C-alpha cells in the first residue's frame, strides 16, 4: 500500500507540495528576472532562446513546454525575431506549421547570459551538500515522473 504523506485532518496548504513547488518556482523566476535587469534581454526572452536551443520548434511547442499562453509567447518570439535571434520558416513537411529556428546570434546570446541563471540556481541551493543536492534532484525527478504518469492516466481515461 502506498504511503499517504498528507491527510485532510492535518493538512496545511502552506506546507503542501504544490504550494512549496509553486513558491520556489516563483521566487526563482523573480530572482532570475532581477539578474537580467540591465541586460538587453529579459529572462523570459532568454528562456525562449534556450527552449529553441533544446529543440522545441514551434510557438505551440513552447507554450506546452513552458506552460504559457500563446499570445504572450508569440509576442516574445516576435521581439526575438526583430532582434535577429530567431527566424520563422514554413515547415516543409506541413505548410500550415511555422517552425522557429535559433540564429547564430541567438545561440551566442543564450550562451552568454547562461552564467546569470547558473548564479541564481547556485544561490538558491546554498547550504546543500553534494549528496543532498543529488538526492534532491532524484526526488524531484521522481515527483515529476509520478505527475506525468498521473497525467497520462487521466488523458487515457478521457
Protein backbone atom coordinates (compact mmCIF):
# COMPACT_ATOMS: atom_id res chain seq x y z
CA UNK A 1 0.00 0.00 0.00
CA UNK A 2 1.27 3.45 -0.91
CA UNK A 3 2.30 5.77 1.90
CA UNK A 4 -0.03 8.76 2.29
CA UNK A 5 2.01 11.79 3.34
CA UNK A 6 -0.99 14.10 3.75
CA UNK A 7 -4.47 13.72 5.19
CA UNK A 8 -7.32 16.19 5.45
CA UNK A 9 -7.25 16.39 9.26
CA UNK A 10 -3.78 17.93 9.49
CA UNK A 11 -3.38 19.43 6.04
CA UNK A 12 -1.83 22.89 5.95
CA UNK A 13 -1.92 24.41 2.46
CA UNK A 14 1.20 26.49 3.06
CA UNK A 15 3.11 23.25 3.78
CA UNK A 16 1.77 21.42 0.74
CA UNK A 17 3.95 20.08 -2.05
CA UNK A 18 2.15 22.11 -4.70
CA UNK A 19 2.39 25.37 -2.78
CA UNK A 20 6.08 24.96 -1.95
CA UNK A 21 6.97 23.97 -5.52
CA UNK A 22 4.98 26.90 -6.92
CA UNK A 23 6.52 29.32 -4.41
CA UNK A 24 10.05 28.12 -5.16
CA UNK A 25 9.34 28.46 -8.91
CA UNK A 26 8.00 32.00 -8.46
CA UNK A 27 10.94 33.03 -6.29
CA UNK A 28 13.45 31.51 -8.75
CA UNK A 29 11.71 33.30 -11.63
CA UNK A 30 11.76 36.62 -9.77
CA UNK A 31 15.46 36.21 -8.90
CA UNK A 32 16.34 35.34 -12.49
CA UNK A 33 14.29 38.27 -13.82
CA UNK A 34 16.17 40.59 -11.43
CA UNK A 35 19.51 39.13 -12.59
CA UNK A 36 18.59 40.06 -16.17
CA UNK A 37 17.83 43.71 -15.31
CA UNK A 38 20.25 45.94 -17.15
CA UNK A 39 20.76 43.40 -19.91
CA UNK A 40 19.24 43.74 -23.36
CA UNK A 41 17.20 40.54 -22.97
CA UNK A 42 14.59 39.63 -20.36
CA UNK A 43 14.68 36.34 -18.52
CA UNK A 44 11.55 35.16 -20.40
CA UNK A 45 13.14 36.04 -23.75
CA UNK A 46 16.25 34.12 -22.71
CA UNK A 47 14.11 31.12 -21.75
CA UNK A 48 12.60 31.06 -25.25
CA UNK A 49 16.10 31.03 -26.78
CA UNK A 50 17.12 28.15 -24.52
CA UNK A 51 13.99 26.14 -25.33
CA UNK A 52 14.65 26.61 -29.04
CA UNK A 53 18.25 25.50 -28.49
CA UNK A 54 16.88 22.38 -26.73
CA UNK A 55 14.91 21.50 -29.87
CA UNK A 56 11.44 22.95 -29.50
CA UNK A 57 10.42 24.21 -32.95
CA UNK A 58 7.00 25.91 -32.74
CA UNK A 59 5.20 28.52 -30.66
CA UNK A 60 2.67 25.85 -29.65
CA UNK A 61 5.56 23.63 -28.53
CA UNK A 62 6.95 26.49 -26.45
CA UNK A 63 3.51 27.09 -24.92
CA UNK A 64 3.12 23.47 -23.97
CA UNK A 65 6.65 23.11 -22.58
CA UNK A 66 6.68 26.41 -20.69
CA UNK A 67 3.01 26.22 -19.61
CA UNK A 68 2.44 29.70 -21.02
CA UNK A 69 -0.25 31.27 -23.18
CA UNK A 70 0.10 31.54 -26.95
CA UNK A 71 -0.36 35.31 -27.20
CA UNK A 72 2.40 36.15 -24.74
CA UNK A 73 4.86 33.72 -26.30
CA UNK A 74 4.04 34.88 -29.82
CA UNK A 75 4.89 38.45 -28.74
CA UNK A 76 8.19 37.25 -27.22
CA UNK A 77 9.07 35.39 -30.42
CA UNK A 78 8.16 38.49 -32.46
CA UNK A 79 10.58 40.56 -30.36
CA UNK A 80 13.34 37.97 -30.69
CA UNK A 81 12.80 37.73 -34.45
CA UNK A 82 13.04 41.54 -34.86
CA UNK A 83 16.35 41.46 -32.98
CA UNK A 84 17.77 38.71 -35.19
CA UNK A 85 17.84 35.95 -32.57
CA UNK A 86 15.05 33.81 -34.07
CA UNK A 87 13.84 33.08 -37.60
CA UNK A 88 10.44 31.78 -38.66
CA UNK A 89 10.23 29.30 -41.53
CA UNK A 90 7.32 27.49 -43.12
CA UNK A 91 7.58 23.75 -42.44
CA UNK A 92 8.47 21.67 -45.47
CA UNK A 93 6.52 18.73 -44.02
CA UNK A 94 3.34 20.72 -43.29
CA UNK A 95 2.89 24.16 -44.85
CA UNK A 96 0.39 25.11 -42.11
CA UNK A 97 3.15 24.93 -39.50
CA UNK A 98 5.61 27.75 -38.89
CA UNK A 99 8.85 26.48 -37.41
CA UNK A 100 11.19 28.55 -35.27
CA UNK A 101 14.92 28.48 -35.80
CA UNK A 102 17.52 29.89 -33.43
CA UNK A 103 20.06 32.05 -35.29
CA UNK A 104 23.79 32.08 -34.60
CA UNK A 105 23.29 35.40 -32.79
CA UNK A 106 20.53 33.80 -30.72
CA UNK A 107 22.79 30.89 -29.75
CA UNK A 108 25.56 33.29 -28.72
CA UNK A 109 23.14 35.44 -26.71
CA UNK A 110 21.65 32.44 -24.87
CA UNK A 111 25.10 31.08 -24.02
CA UNK A 112 26.40 34.49 -22.97
CA UNK A 113 23.65 35.01 -20.41
CA UNK A 114 23.72 31.45 -19.01
CA UNK A 115 26.05 32.45 -16.11
CA UNK A 116 23.32 34.74 -14.74
CA UNK A 117 20.91 31.82 -14.40
CA UNK A 118 23.57 29.48 -13.04
CA UNK A 119 24.36 32.02 -10.31
CA UNK A 120 20.67 32.21 -9.31
CA UNK A 121 20.48 28.41 -9.15
CA UNK A 122 23.65 28.13 -7.09
CA UNK A 123 22.47 30.82 -4.68
CA UNK A 124 19.14 29.03 -4.24
CA UNK A 125 20.99 25.80 -3.43
CA UNK A 126 23.41 27.32 -0.91
CA UNK A 127 23.84 25.14 2.15
CA UNK A 128 23.11 21.87 0.34
CA UNK A 129 25.98 19.42 0.15
CA UNK A 130 26.68 17.38 -2.99
CA UNK A 131 24.83 14.34 -1.61
CA UNK A 132 21.84 16.46 -0.55
CA UNK A 133 21.71 18.08 -3.98
CA UNK A 134 21.88 14.69 -5.71
CA UNK A 135 19.09 13.34 -3.50
CA UNK A 136 17.01 16.47 -4.01
CA UNK A 137 17.31 16.17 -7.80
CA UNK A 138 16.49 12.44 -7.67
CA UNK A 139 13.39 13.13 -5.57
CA UNK A 140 12.21 15.99 -7.81
CA UNK A 141 12.59 13.77 -10.88
CA UNK A 142 10.59 11.05 -9.11
CA UNK A 143 7.80 13.52 -8.33
CA UNK A 144 7.79 14.72 -11.96
CA UNK A 145 7.60 11.12 -13.19
CA UNK A 146 4.67 10.42 -10.83
CA UNK A 147 2.82 13.51 -12.03
CA UNK A 148 3.46 12.69 -15.70
CA UNK A 149 2.10 9.19 -15.15
CA UNK A 150 -0.97 10.67 -13.46
CA UNK A 151 -1.42 12.98 -16.47
CA UNK A 152 -1.07 10.08 -18.93
CA UNK A 153 -3.63 8.03 -17.00
CA UNK A 154 -6.06 10.94 -16.88
CA UNK A 155 -5.74 11.53 -20.62
CA UNK A 156 -6.13 7.83 -21.39
CA UNK A 157 -9.32 7.69 -19.31
CA UNK A 158 -10.83 10.74 -21.06
